[in-house]
Amino acid sequence: RANTNAGKIKIKASVVFEGIHTPLSAELIIKTIDSKHRIIADKNE
């Protein structure tokens, strides 16, 4: 879920139980854009 600040989200996935032949982890960066609609809620709230 995106928060209210546009920018980048970095997600990392890794295998829980690691060993000699454990698959390498992966990273993904998602860019979020400003909301098309004005956010009514107060930012502090």
PDB file of all heavy atoms in Angstrom:
ATOM      1  N   ARG A   1       0.845  -1.194   0.000  1.00  0.00           N
ATOM      2  CA  ARG A   1       0.000   0.000   0.000  1.00  0.00           C
ATOM      3  C   ARG A   1       0.882   1.246   0.000  1.00  0.00           C
ATOM      4  O   ARG A   1       1.834   1.348   0.774  1.00  0.00           O
ATOM      5  CB  ARG A   1      -0.905   0.008   1.229  1.00  0.00           C
ATOM      6  CG  ARG A   1      -1.799   1.245   1.301  1.00  0.00           C
ATOM      7  CD  ARG A   1      -2.894   1.122   2.330  1.00  0.00           C
ATOM      8  NE  ARG A   1      -2.383   0.712   3.623  1.00  0.00           N
ATOM      9  CZ  ARG A   1      -2.999  -0.151   4.434  1.00  0.00           C
ATOM     10  NH1 ARG A   1      -4.129  -0.701   4.063  1.00  0.00           N
ATOM     11  NH2 ARG A   1      -2.489  -0.469   5.592  1.00  0.00           N
ATOM     12  N   ALA A   2       0.553   2.205  -0.865  1.00  0.00           N
ATOM     13  CA  ALA A   2       1.294   3.472  -0.916  1.00  0.00           C
ATOM     14  C   ALA A   2       0.865   4.360   0.250  1.00  0.00           C
ATOM     15  O   ALA A   2      -0.285   4.281   0.702  1.00  0.00           O
ATOM     16  CB  ALA A   2       1.008   4.183  -2.232  1.00  0.00           C
ATOM     17  N   ASN A   3       1.803   5.182   0.746  1.00  0.00           N
ATOM     18  CA  ASN A   3       1.385   6.176   1.739  1.00  0.00           C
ATOM     19  C   ASN A   3       1.013   7.469   1.020  1.00  0.00           C
ATOM     20  O   ASN A   3       0.747   7.448  -0.184  1.00  0.00           O
ATOM     21  CB  ASN A   3       2.467   6.359   2.820  1.00  0.00           C
ATOM     22  CG  ASN A   3       3.771   6.893   2.267  1.00  0.00           C
ATOM     23  OD1 ASN A   3       3.826   7.467   1.172  1.00  0.00           O
ATOM     24  ND2 ASN A   3       4.848   6.713   3.005  1.00  0.00           N
ATOM     25  N   THR A   4       1.008   8.591   1.712  1.00  0.00           N
ATOM     26  CA  THR A   4       0.534   9.834   1.097  1.00  0.00           C
ATOM     27  C   THR A   4       1.669  10.679   0.512  1.00  0.00           C
ATOM     28  O   THR A   4       1.431  11.804   0.082  1.00  0.00           O
ATOM     29  CB  THR A   4      -0.250  10.666   2.130  1.00  0.00           C
ATOM     30  OG1 THR A   4       0.553  10.843   3.297  1.00  0.00           O
ATOM     31  CG2 THR A   4      -1.546   9.962   2.503  1.00  0.00           C
ATOM     32  N   ASN A   5       2.888  10.154   0.514  1.00  0.00           N
ATOM     33  CA  ASN A   5       4.022  10.879  -0.058  1.00  0.00           C
ATOM     34  C   ASN A   5       4.493  10.176  -1.327  1.00  0.00           C
ATOM     35  O   ASN A   5       4.854   9.009  -1.279  1.00  0.00           O
ATOM     36  CB  ASN A   5       5.182  10.954   0.945  1.00  0.00           C
ATOM     37  CG  ASN A   5       4.779  11.653   2.224  1.00  0.00           C
ATOM     38  OD1 ASN A   5       4.202  12.731   2.188  1.00  0.00           O
ATOM     39  ND2 ASN A   5       5.049  11.025   3.361  1.00  0.00           N
ATOM     40  N   ALA A   6       4.492  10.889  -2.437  1.00  0.00           N
ATOM     41  CA  ALA A   6       4.957  10.296  -3.695  1.00  0.00           C
ATOM     42  C   ALA A   6       6.459  10.062  -3.628  1.00  0.00           C
ATOM     43  O   ALA A   6       7.193  10.837  -3.021  1.00  0.00           O
ATOM     44  CB  ALA A   6       4.612  11.214  -4.865  1.00  0.00           C
ATOM     45  N   GLY A   7       6.910   9.000  -4.242  1.00  0.00           N
ATOM     46  CA  GLY A   7       8.346   8.684  -4.225  1.00  0.00           C
ATOM     47  C   GLY A   7       8.576   7.242  -4.613  1.00  0.00           C
ATOM     48  O   GLY A   7       7.862   6.689  -5.449  1.00  0.00           O
ATOM     49  N   LYS A   8       9.564   6.627  -3.974  1.00  0.00           N
ATOM     50  CA  LYS A   8       9.924   5.246  -4.310  1.00  0.00           C
ATOM     51  C   LYS A   8       9.614   4.295  -3.162  1.00  0.00           C
ATOM     52  O   LYS A   8       9.754   4.653  -1.996  1.00  0.00           O
ATOM     53  CB  LYS A   8      11.410   5.155  -4.645  1.00  0.00           C
ATOM     54  CG  LYS A   8      11.782   5.864  -5.933  1.00  0.00           C
ATOM     55  CD  LYS A   8      13.277   5.718  -6.203  1.00  0.00           C
ATOM     56  CE  LYS A   8      13.668   6.437  -7.497  1.00  0.00           C
ATOM     57  NZ  LYS A   8      15.110   6.331  -7.760  1.00  0.00           N
ATOM     58  N   ILE A   9       9.221   3.090  -3.533  1.00  0.00           N
ATOM     59  CA  ILE A   9       9.023   2.001  -2.570  1.00  0.00           C
ATOM     60  C   ILE A   9       9.961   0.871  -2.995  1.00  0.00           C
ATOM     61  O   ILE A   9       9.939   0.464  -4.156  1.00  0.00           O
ATOM     62  CB  ILE A   9       7.576   1.481  -2.572  1.00  0.00           C
ATOM     63  CG1 ILE A   9       6.584   2.606  -2.284  1.00  0.00           C
ATOM     64  CG2 ILE A   9       7.407   0.349  -1.569  1.00  0.00           C
ATOM     65  CD1 ILE A   9       5.126   2.196  -2.445  1.00  0.00           C
ATOM     66  N   LYS A  10      10.786   0.417  -2.059  1.00  0.00           N
ATOM     67  CA  LYS A  10      11.677  -0.709  -2.369  1.00  0.00           C
ATOM     68  C   LYS A  10      11.208  -1.942  -1.616  1.00  0.00           C
ATOM     69  O   LYS A  10      11.101  -1.929  -0.392  1.00  0.00           O
ATOM     70  CB  LYS A  10      13.126  -0.381  -1.988  1.00  0.00           C
ATOM     71  CG  LYS A  10      14.085  -1.506  -2.342  1.00  0.00           C
ATOM     72  CD  LYS A  10      15.534  -1.050  -2.333  1.00  0.00           C
ATOM     73  CE  LYS A  10      16.108  -1.066  -0.951  1.00  0.00           C
ATOM     74  NZ  LYS A  10      17.565  -0.854  -0.941  1.00  0.00           N
ATOM     75  N   ILE A  11      10.926  -2.997  -2.373  1.00  0.00           N
ATOM     76  CA  ILE A  11      10.498  -4.276  -1.787  1.00  0.00           C
ATOM     77  C   ILE A  11      11.606  -5.295  -1.994  1.00  0.00           C
ATOM     78  O   ILE A  11      12.146  -5.409  -3.101  1.00  0.00           O
ATOM     79  CB  ILE A  11       9.195  -4.793  -2.434  1.00  0.00           C
ATOM     80  CG1 ILE A  11       8.067  -3.764  -2.273  1.00  0.00           C
ATOM     81  CG2 ILE A  11       8.756  -6.109  -1.812  1.00  0.00           C
ATOM     82  CD1 ILE A  11       7.734  -3.037  -3.507  1.00  0.00           C
ATOM     83  N   LYS A  12      11.940  -6.016  -0.927  1.00  0.00           N
ATOM     84  CA  LYS A  12      12.956  -7.066  -1.015  1.00  0.00           C
ATOM     85  C   LYS A  12      12.313  -8.396  -0.644  1.00  0.00           C
ATOM     86  O   LYS A  12      11.549  -8.472   0.322  1.00  0.00           O
ATOM     87  CB  LYS A  12      14.119  -6.765  -0.079  1.00  0.00           C
ATOM     88  CG  LYS A  12      15.229  -7.795  -0.167  1.00  0.00           C
ATOM     89  CD  LYS A  12      16.384  -7.477   0.774  1.00  0.00           C
ATOM     90  CE  LYS A  12      17.450  -8.550   0.688  1.00  0.00           C
ATOM     91  NZ  LYS A  12      18.552  -8.329   1.625  1.00  0.00           N
ATOM     92  N   ALA A  13      12.624  -9.423  -1.421  1.00  0.00           N
ATOM     93  CA  ALA A  13      12.126 -10.779  -1.142  1.00  0.00           C
ATOM     94  C   ALA A  13      13.310 -11.700  -0.935  1.00  0.00           C
ATOM     95  O   ALA A  13      14.285 -11.645  -1.688  1.00  0.00           O
ATOM     96  CB  ALA A  13      11.264 -11.282  -2.293  1.00  0.00           C
ATOM     97  N   SER A  14      13.250 -12.531   0.103  1.00  0.00           N
ATOM     98  CA  SER A  14      14.330 -13.482   0.369  1.00  0.00           C
ATOM     99  C   SER A  14      13.740 -14.774   0.926  1.00  0.00           C
ATOM    100  O   SER A  14      12.634 -14.786   1.463  1.00  0.00           O
ATOM    101  CB  SER A  14      15.343 -12.897   1.351  1.00  0.00           C
ATOM    102  OG  SER A  14      14.700 -12.469   2.530  1.00  0.00           O
ATOM    103  N   VAL A  15      14.491 -15.852   0.780  1.00  0.00           N
ATOM    104  CA  VAL A  15      14.054 -17.158   1.280  1.00  0.00           C
ATOM    105  C   VAL A  15      14.312 -17.206   2.787  1.00  0.00           C
ATOM    106  O   VAL A  15      15.352 -16.768   3.259  1.00  0.00           O
ATOM    107  CB  VAL A  15      14.806 -18.288   0.549  1.00  0.00           C
ATOM    108  CG1 VAL A  15      14.506 -19.640   1.178  1.00  0.00           C
ATOM    109  CG2 VAL A  15      14.429 -18.302  -0.927  1.00  0.00           C
ATOM    110  N   VAL A  16      13.343 -17.735   3.532  1.00  0.00           N
ATOM    111  CA  VAL A  16      13.437 -17.747   4.996  1.00  0.00           C
ATOM    112  C   VAL A  16      14.559 -18.653   5.488  1.00  0.00           C
ATOM    113  O   VAL A  16      15.423 -18.224   6.243  1.00  0.00           O
ATOM    114  CB  VAL A  16      12.089 -18.172   5.619  1.00  0.00           C
ATOM    115  CG1 VAL A  16      12.226 -18.323   7.133  1.00  0.00           C
ATOM    116  CG2 VAL A  16      11.024 -17.152   5.299  1.00  0.00           C
ATOM    117  N   PHE A  17      14.552 -19.907   5.081  1.00  0.00           N
ATOM    118  CA  PHE A  17      15.549 -20.859   5.579  1.00  0.00           C
ATOM    119  C   PHE A  17      16.696 -20.943   4.582  1.00  0.00           C
ATOM    120  O   PHE A  17      16.568 -21.532   3.519  1.00  0.00           O
ATOM    121  CB  PHE A  17      14.914 -22.238   5.795  1.00  0.00           C
ATOM    122  CG  PHE A  17      13.709 -22.185   6.695  1.00  0.00           C
ATOM    123  CD1 PHE A  17      12.441 -22.388   6.188  1.00  0.00           C
ATOM    124  CD2 PHE A  17      13.854 -21.912   8.045  1.00  0.00           C
ATOM    125  CE1 PHE A  17      11.330 -22.323   7.008  1.00  0.00           C
ATOM    126  CE2 PHE A  17      12.752 -21.845   8.877  1.00  0.00           C
ATOM    127  CZ  PHE A  17      11.482 -22.055   8.357  1.00  0.00           C
ATOM    128  N   GLU A  18      17.818 -20.326   4.930  1.00  0.00           N
ATOM    129  CA  GLU A  18      18.934 -20.254   3.992  1.00  0.00           C
ATOM    130  C   GLU A  18      19.849 -21.463   4.115  1.00  0.00           C
ATOM    131  O   GLU A  18      19.990 -22.045   5.184  1.00  0.00           O
ATOM    132  CB  GLU A  18      19.728 -18.969   4.225  1.00  0.00           C
ATOM    133  CG  GLU A  18      18.908 -17.714   3.937  1.00  0.00           C
ATOM    134  CD  GLU A  18      19.729 -16.449   4.030  1.00  0.00           C
ATOM    135  OE1 GLU A  18      20.896 -16.526   4.448  1.00  0.00           O
ATOM    136  OE2 GLU A  18      19.200 -15.390   3.664  1.00  0.00           O
ATOM    137  N   GLY A  19      20.464 -21.824   2.997  1.00  0.00           N
ATOM    138  CA  GLY A  19      21.405 -22.937   2.949  1.00  0.00           C
ATOM    139  C   GLY A  19      22.409 -22.716   1.840  1.00  0.00           C
ATOM    140  O   GLY A  19      22.514 -21.621   1.289  1.00  0.00           O
ATOM    141  N   ILE A  20      23.136 -23.763   1.472  1.00  0.00           N
ATOM    142  CA  ILE A  20      24.180 -23.649   0.455  1.00  0.00           C
ATOM    143  C   ILE A  20      23.585 -23.273  -0.901  1.00  0.00           C
ATOM    144  O   ILE A  20      24.123 -22.445  -1.617  1.00  0.00           O
ATOM    145  CB  ILE A  20      24.968 -24.979   0.331  1.00  0.00           C
ATOM    146  CG1 ILE A  20      25.659 -25.302   1.660  1.00  0.00           C
ATOM    147  CG2 ILE A  20      25.987 -24.909  -0.795  1.00  0.00           C
ATOM    148  CD1 ILE A  20      26.269 -26.676   1.717  1.00  0.00           C
ATOM    149  N   HIS A  21      22.466 -23.899  -1.259  1.00  0.00           N
ATOM    150  CA  HIS A  21      21.863 -23.666  -2.572  1.00  0.00           C
ATOM    151  C   HIS A  21      20.620 -22.777  -2.486  1.00  0.00           C
ATOM    152  O   HIS A  21      19.706 -22.903  -3.307  1.00  0.00           O
ATOM    153  CB  HIS A  21      21.503 -24.995  -3.231  1.00  0.00           C
ATOM    154  CG  HIS A  21      22.681 -25.887  -3.460  1.00  0.00           C
ATOM    155  ND1 HIS A  21      23.694 -25.561  -4.329  1.00  0.00           N
ATOM    156  CD2 HIS A  21      23.023 -27.077  -2.919  1.00  0.00           C
ATOM    157  CE1 HIS A  21      24.606 -26.519  -4.318  1.00  0.00           C
ATOM    158  NE2 HIS A  21      24.220 -27.457  -3.461  1.00  0.00           N
ATOM    159  N   THR A  22      20.588 -21.880  -1.514  1.00  0.00           N
ATOM    160  CA  THR A  22      19.444 -20.994  -1.364  1.00  0.00           C
ATOM    161  C   THR A  22      19.349 -20.032  -2.549  1.00  0.00           C
ATOM    162  O   THR A  22      20.345 -19.416  -2.921  1.00  0.00           O
ATOM    163  CB  THR A  22      19.570 -20.166  -0.061  1.00  0.00           C
ATOM    164  OG1 THR A  22      19.630 -21.063   1.039  1.00  0.00           O
ATOM    165  CG2 THR A  22      18.381 -19.239   0.112  1.00  0.00           C
ATOM    166  N   PRO A  23      18.172 -19.878  -3.145  1.00  0.00           N
ATOM    167  CA  PRO A  23      18.015 -18.899  -4.230  1.00  0.00           C
ATOM    168  C   PRO A  23      18.349 -17.484  -3.750  1.00  0.00           C
ATOM    169  O   PRO A  23      18.036 -17.120  -2.612  1.00  0.00           O
ATOM    170  CB  PRO A  23      16.534 -19.008  -4.597  1.00  0.00           C
ATOM    171  CG  PRO A  23      16.132 -20.373  -4.155  1.00  0.00           C
ATOM    172  CD  PRO A  23      16.949 -20.655  -2.933  1.00  0.00           C
ATOM    173  N   LEU A  24      18.996 -16.713  -4.622  1.00  0.00           N
ATOM    174  CA  LEU A  24      19.383 -15.341  -4.288  1.00  0.00           C
ATOM    175  C   LEU A  24      18.148 -14.472  -4.103  1.00  0.00           C
ATOM    176  O   LEU A  24      17.126 -14.662  -4.765  1.00  0.00           O
ATOM    177  CB  LEU A  24      20.263 -14.755  -5.395  1.00  0.00           C
ATOM    178  CG  LEU A  24      21.602 -15.461  -5.647  1.00  0.00           C
ATOM    179  CD1 LEU A  24      22.286 -14.867  -6.873  1.00  0.00           C
ATOM    180  CD2 LEU A  24      22.511 -15.331  -4.426  1.00  0.00           C
ATOM    181  N   SER A  25      18.262 -13.490  -3.203  1.00  0.00           N
ATOM    182  CA  SER A  25      17.140 -12.586  -2.946  1.00  0.00           C
ATOM    183  C   SER A  25      16.944 -11.634  -4.134  1.00  0.00           C
ATOM    184  O   SER A  25      17.808 -11.527  -5.007  1.00  0.00           O
ATOM    185  CB  SER A  25      17.389 -11.791  -1.662  1.00  0.00           C
ATOM    186  OG  SER A  25      18.579 -11.046  -1.782  1.00  0.00           O
ATOM    187  N   ALA A  26      15.810 -10.951  -4.145  1.00  0.00           N
ATOM    188  CA  ALA A  26      15.495 -10.029  -5.240  1.00  0.00           C
ATOM    189  C   ALA A  26      14.950  -8.727  -4.673  1.00  0.00           C
ATOM    190  O   ALA A  26      14.398  -8.698  -3.570  1.00  0.00           O
ATOM    191  CB  ALA A  26      14.473 -10.659  -6.178  1.00  0.00           C
ATOM    192  N   GLU A  27      15.131  -7.648  -5.439  1.00  0.00           N
ATOM    193  CA  GLU A  27      14.609  -6.336  -5.043  1.00  0.00           C
ATOM    194  C   GLU A  27      13.816  -5.732  -6.194  1.00  0.00           C
ATOM    195  O   GLU A  27      14.126  -5.963  -7.360  1.00  0.00           O
ATOM    196  CB  GLU A  27      15.747  -5.385  -4.660  1.00  0.00           C
ATOM    197  CG  GLU A  27      16.370  -5.694  -3.329  1.00  0.00           C
ATOM    198  CD  GLU A  27      17.423  -4.664  -2.917  1.00  0.00           C
ATOM    199  OE1 GLU A  27      17.671  -3.715  -3.692  1.00  0.00           O
ATOM    200  OE2 GLU A  27      17.997  -4.814  -1.828  1.00  0.00           O
ATOM    201  N   LEU A  28      12.795  -4.969  -5.829  1.00  0.00           N
ATOM    202  CA  LEU A  28      11.965  -4.285  -6.820  1.00  0.00           C
ATOM    203  C   LEU A  28      11.695  -2.871  -6.318  1.00  0.00           C
ATOM    204  O   LEU A  28      11.379  -2.680  -5.141  1.00  0.00           O
ATOM    205  CB  LEU A  28      10.638  -5.038  -7.002  1.00  0.00           C
ATOM    206  CG  LEU A  28       9.599  -4.385  -7.911  1.00  0.00           C
ATOM    207  CD1 LEU A  28      10.051  -4.432  -9.371  1.00  0.00           C
ATOM    208  CD2 LEU A  28       8.242  -5.064  -7.755  1.00  0.00           C
ATOM    209  N   ILE A  29      11.836  -1.895  -7.206  1.00  0.00           N
ATOM    210  CA  ILE A  29      11.524  -0.509  -6.850  1.00  0.00           C
ATOM    211  C   ILE A  29      10.293  -0.070  -7.627  1.00  0.00           C
ATOM    212  O   ILE A  29      10.234  -0.196  -8.851  1.00  0.00           O
ATOM    213  CB  ILE A  29      12.710   0.425  -7.133  1.00  0.00           C
ATOM    214  CG1 ILE A  29      13.861   0.084  -6.189  1.00  0.00           C
ATOM    215  CG2 ILE A  29      12.296   1.891  -6.954  1.00  0.00           C
ATOM    216  CD1 ILE A  29      15.123   0.876  -6.403  1.00  0.00           C
ATOM    217  N   ILE A  30       9.297   0.428  -6.894  1.00  0.00           N
ATOM    218  CA  ILE A  30       8.062   0.938  -7.489  1.00  0.00           C
ATOM    219  C   ILE A  30       8.015   2.439  -7.234  1.00  0.00           C
ATOM    220  O   ILE A  30       8.242   2.894  -6.111  1.00  0.00           O
ATOM    221  CB  ILE A  30       6.823   0.266  -6.865  1.00  0.00           C
ATOM    222  CG1 ILE A  30       6.848  -1.246  -7.101  1.00  0.00           C
ATOM    223  CG2 ILE A  30       5.538   0.859  -7.415  1.00  0.00           C
ATOM    224  CD1 ILE A  30       5.757  -1.988  -6.348  1.00  0.00           C
ATOM    225  N   LYS A  31       7.694   3.189  -8.267  1.00  0.00           N
ATOM    226  CA  LYS A  31       7.548   4.637  -8.108  1.00  0.00           C
ATOM    227  C   LYS A  31       6.075   4.973  -7.938  1.00  0.00           C
ATOM    228  O   LYS A  31       5.234   4.480  -8.683  1.00  0.00           O
ATOM    229  CB  LYS A  31       8.108   5.371  -9.326  1.00  0.00           C
ATOM    230  CG  LYS A  31       9.618   5.277  -9.442  1.00  0.00           C
ATOM    231  CD  LYS A  31      10.111   6.045 -10.641  1.00  0.00           C
ATOM    232  CE  LYS A  31      11.635   5.916 -10.760  1.00  0.00           C
ATOM    233  NZ  LYS A  31      12.150   6.596 -11.973  1.00  0.00           N
ATOM    234  N   THR A  32       5.780   5.813  -6.951  1.00  0.00           N
ATOM    235  CA  THR A  32       4.403   6.260  -6.754  1.00  0.00           C
ATOM    236  C   THR A  32       4.275   7.686  -7.262  1.00  0.00           C
ATOM    237  O   THR A  32       5.235   8.456  -7.240  1.00  0.00           O
ATOM    238  CB  THR A  32       3.999   6.194  -5.264  1.00  0.00           C
ATOM    239  OG1 THR A  32       4.839   7.059  -4.493  1.00  0.00           O
ATOM    240  CG2 THR A  32       4.125   4.779  -4.728  1.00  0.00           C
ATOM    241  N   ILE A  33       3.085   8.016  -7.731  1.00  0.00           N
ATOM    242  CA  ILE A  33       2.835   9.365  -8.259  1.00  0.00           C
ATOM    243  C   ILE A  33       1.886  10.115  -7.328  1.00  0.00           C
ATOM    244  O   ILE A  33       1.189   9.506  -6.516  1.00  0.00           O
ATOM    245  CB  ILE A  33       2.251   9.307  -9.684  1.00  0.00           C
ATOM    246  CG1 ILE A  33       0.909   8.554  -9.691  1.00  0.00           C
ATOM    247  CG2 ILE A  33       3.234   8.650 -10.651  1.00  0.00           C
ATOM    248  CD1 ILE A  33       0.136   8.663 -10.988  1.00  0.00           C
ATOM    249  N   ASP A  34       1.875  11.438  -7.455  1.00  0.00           N
ATOM    250  CA  ASP A  34       0.956  12.248  -6.652  1.00  0.00           C
ATOM    251  C   ASP A  34      -0.483  11.844  -6.932  1.00  0.00           C
ATOM    252  O   ASP A  34      -0.834  11.488  -8.067  1.00  0.00           O
ATOM    253  CB  ASP A  34       1.137  13.737  -6.968  1.00  0.00           C
ATOM    254  CG  ASP A  34       2.447  14.279  -6.406  1.00  0.00           C
ATOM    255  OD1 ASP A  34       2.793  13.914  -5.268  1.00  0.00           O
ATOM    256  OD2 ASP A  34       3.125  15.048  -7.111  1.00  0.00           O
ATOM    257  N   SER A  35      -1.306  11.924  -5.913  1.00  0.00           N
ATOM    258  CA  SER A  35      -2.709  11.565  -6.053  1.00  0.00           C
ATOM    259  C   SER A  35      -3.408  12.511  -7.028  1.00  0.00           C
ATOM    260  O   SER A  35      -3.139  13.716  -7.040  1.00  0.00           O
ATOM    261  CB  SER A  35      -3.391  11.628  -4.688  1.00  0.00           C
ATOM    262  OG  SER A  35      -4.751  11.347  -4.814  1.00  0.00           O
ATOM    263  N   LYS A  36      -4.304  11.963  -7.836  1.00  0.00           N
ATOM    264  CA  LYS A  36      -5.055  12.786  -8.798  1.00  0.00           C
ATOM    265  C   LYS A  36      -6.063  13.671  -8.079  1.00  0.00           C
ATOM    266  O   LYS A  36      -6.460  14.716  -8.582  1.00  0.00           O
ATOM    267  CB  LYS A  36      -5.782  11.891  -9.799  1.00  0.00           C
ATOM    268  CG  LYS A  36      -4.861  11.132 -10.725  1.00  0.00           C
ATOM    269  CD  LYS A  36      -5.643  10.189 -11.616  1.00  0.00           C
ATOM    270  CE  LYS A  36      -4.702   9.356 -12.460  1.00  0.00           C
ATOM    271  NZ  LYS A  36      -5.409   8.297 -13.207  1.00  0.00           N
ATOM    272  N   HIS A  37      -6.490  13.211  -6.914  1.00  0.00           N
ATOM    273  CA  HIS A  37      -7.487  13.962  -6.141  1.00  0.00           C
ATOM    274  C   HIS A  37      -6.842  14.528  -4.883  1.00  0.00           C
ATOM    275  O   HIS A  37      -5.963  13.912  -4.281  1.00  0.00           O
ATOM    276  CB  HIS A  37      -8.658  13.051  -5.761  1.00  0.00           C
ATOM    277  CG  HIS A  37      -9.292  12.388  -6.940  1.00  0.00           C
ATOM    278  ND1 HIS A  37     -10.106  13.059  -7.823  1.00  0.00           N
ATOM    279  CD2 HIS A  37      -9.207  11.116  -7.413  1.00  0.00           C
ATOM    280  CE1 HIS A  37     -10.502  12.227  -8.776  1.00  0.00           C
ATOM    281  NE2 HIS A  37      -9.969  11.035  -8.547  1.00  0.00           N
ATOM    282  N   ARG A  38      -7.321  15.700  -4.492  1.00  0.00           N
ATOM    283  CA  ARG A  38      -6.787  16.346  -3.299  1.00  0.00           C
ATOM    284  C   ARG A  38      -7.132  15.516  -2.069  1.00  0.00           C
ATOM    285  O   ARG A  38      -8.268  15.060  -1.913  1.00  0.00           O
ATOM    286  CB  ARG A  38      -7.377  17.747  -3.170  1.00  0.00           C
ATOM    287  CG  ARG A  38      -6.793  18.585  -2.055  1.00  0.00           C
ATOM    288  CD  ARG A  38      -7.267  20.011  -2.163  1.00  0.00           C
ATOM    289  NE  ARG A  38      -8.698  20.133  -1.995  1.00  0.00           N
ATOM    290  CZ  ARG A  38      -9.299  20.298  -0.815  1.00  0.00           C
ATOM    291  NH1 ARG A  38      -8.587  20.343   0.284  1.00  0.00           N
ATOM    292  NH2 ARG A  38     -10.609  20.416  -0.752  1.00  0.00           N
ATOM    293  N   ILE A  39      -6.132  15.317  -1.210  1.00  0.00           N
ATOM    294  CA  ILE A  39      -6.356  14.561   0.027  1.00  0.00           C
ATOM    295  C   ILE A  39      -6.955  15.498   1.063  1.00  0.00           C
ATOM    296  O   ILE A  39      -6.370  16.531   1.407  1.00  0.00           O
ATOM    297  CB  ILE A  39      -5.040  13.945   0.537  1.00  0.00           C
ATOM    298  CG1 ILE A  39      -4.529  12.931  -0.501  1.00  0.00           C
ATOM    299  CG2 ILE A  39      -5.243  13.266   1.882  1.00  0.00           C
ATOM    300  CD1 ILE A  39      -3.187  12.354  -0.198  1.00  0.00           C
ATOM    301  N   ILE A  40      -8.162  15.159   1.530  1.00  0.00           N
ATOM    302  CA  ILE A  40      -8.893  16.031   2.455  1.00  0.00           C
ATOM    303  C   ILE A  40      -8.334  15.922   3.875  1.00  0.00           C
ATOM    304  O   ILE A  40      -8.268  16.900   4.599  1.00  0.00           O
ATOM    305  CB  ILE A  40     -10.394  15.681   2.449  1.00  0.00           C
ATOM    306  CG1 ILE A  40     -10.951  15.889   1.033  1.00  0.00           C
ATOM    307  CG2 ILE A  40     -11.169  16.508   3.448  1.00  0.00           C
ATOM    308  CD1 ILE A  40     -12.355  15.378   0.840  1.00  0.00           C
ATOM    309  N   ALA A  41      -7.924  14.726   4.261  1.00  0.00           N
ATOM    310  CA  ALA A  41      -7.439  14.509   5.640  1.00  0.00           C
ATOM    311  C   ALA A  41      -6.210  15.348   5.926  1.00  0.00           C
ATOM    312  O   ALA A  41      -5.379  15.597   5.047  1.00  0.00           O
ATOM    313  CB  ALA A  41      -7.126  13.036   5.840  1.00  0.00           C
ATOM    314  N   ASP A  42      -6.095  15.796   7.167  1.00  0.00           N
ATOM    315  CA  ASP A  42      -4.936  16.560   7.611  1.00  0.00           C
ATOM    316  C   ASP A  42      -3.703  15.649   7.664  1.00  0.00           C
ATOM    317  O   ASP A  42      -3.791  14.517   8.130  1.00  0.00           O
ATOM    318  CB  ASP A  42      -5.231  17.129   9.010  1.00  0.00           C
ATOM    319  CG  ASP A  42      -4.068  17.965   9.520  1.00  0.00           C
ATOM    320  OD1 ASP A  42      -3.827  19.042   8.970  1.00  0.00           O
ATOM    321  OD2 ASP A  42      -3.406  17.499  10.469  1.00  0.00           O
ATOM    322  N   LYS A  43      -2.568  16.151   7.158  1.00  0.00           N
ATOM    323  CA  LYS A  43      -1.349  15.322   7.091  1.00  0.00           C
ATOM    324  C   LYS A  43      -0.888  14.874   8.480  1.00  0.00           C
ATOM    325  O   LYS A  43      -0.400  13.759   8.653  1.00  0.00           O
ATOM    326  CB  LYS A  43      -0.229  16.077   6.386  1.00  0.00           C
ATOM    327  CG  LYS A  43      -0.438  16.155   4.899  1.00  0.00           C
ATOM    328  CD  LYS A  43       0.822  16.508   4.169  1.00  0.00           C
ATOM    329  CE  LYS A  43       0.591  16.406   2.666  1.00  0.00           C
ATOM    330  NZ  LYS A  43       1.784  16.635   1.888  1.00  0.00           N
ATOM    331  N   ASN A  44      -1.036  15.744   9.480  1.00  0.00           N
ATOM    332  CA  ASN A  44      -0.647  15.373  10.844  1.00  0.00           C
ATOM    333  C   ASN A  44      -1.522  14.235  11.372  1.00  0.00           C
ATOM    334  O   ASN A  44      -1.042  13.312  12.032  1.00  0.00           O
ATOM    335  CB  ASN A  44      -0.738  16.579  11.787  1.00  0.00           C
ATOM    336  CG  ASN A  44       0.302  17.641  11.449  1.00  0.00           C
ATOM    337  OD1 ASN A  44       1.363  17.324  10.926  1.00  0.00           O
ATOM    338  ND2 ASN A  44      -0.020  18.898  11.714  1.00  0.00           N
ATOM    339  N   GLU A  45      -2.822  14.307  11.066  1.00  0.00           N
ATOM    340  CA  GLU A  45      -3.739  13.242  11.485  1.00  0.00           C
ATOM    341  C   GLU A  45      -3.387  11.919  10.805  1.00  0.00           C
ATOM    342  O   GLU A  45      -3.422  10.862  11.438  1.00  0.00           O
ATOM    343  CB  GLU A  45      -5.190  13.618  11.147  1.00  0.00           C
ATOM    344  CG  GLU A  45      -5.762  14.704  12.031  1.00  0.00           C
ATOM    345  CD  GLU A  45      -7.189  15.066  11.644  1.00  0.00           C
ATOM    346  OE1 GLU A  45      -7.691  14.506  10.637  1.00  0.00           O
ATOM    347  OE2 GLU A  45      -7.789  15.890  12.333  1.00  0.00           O
TER     348      GLU A  45
END
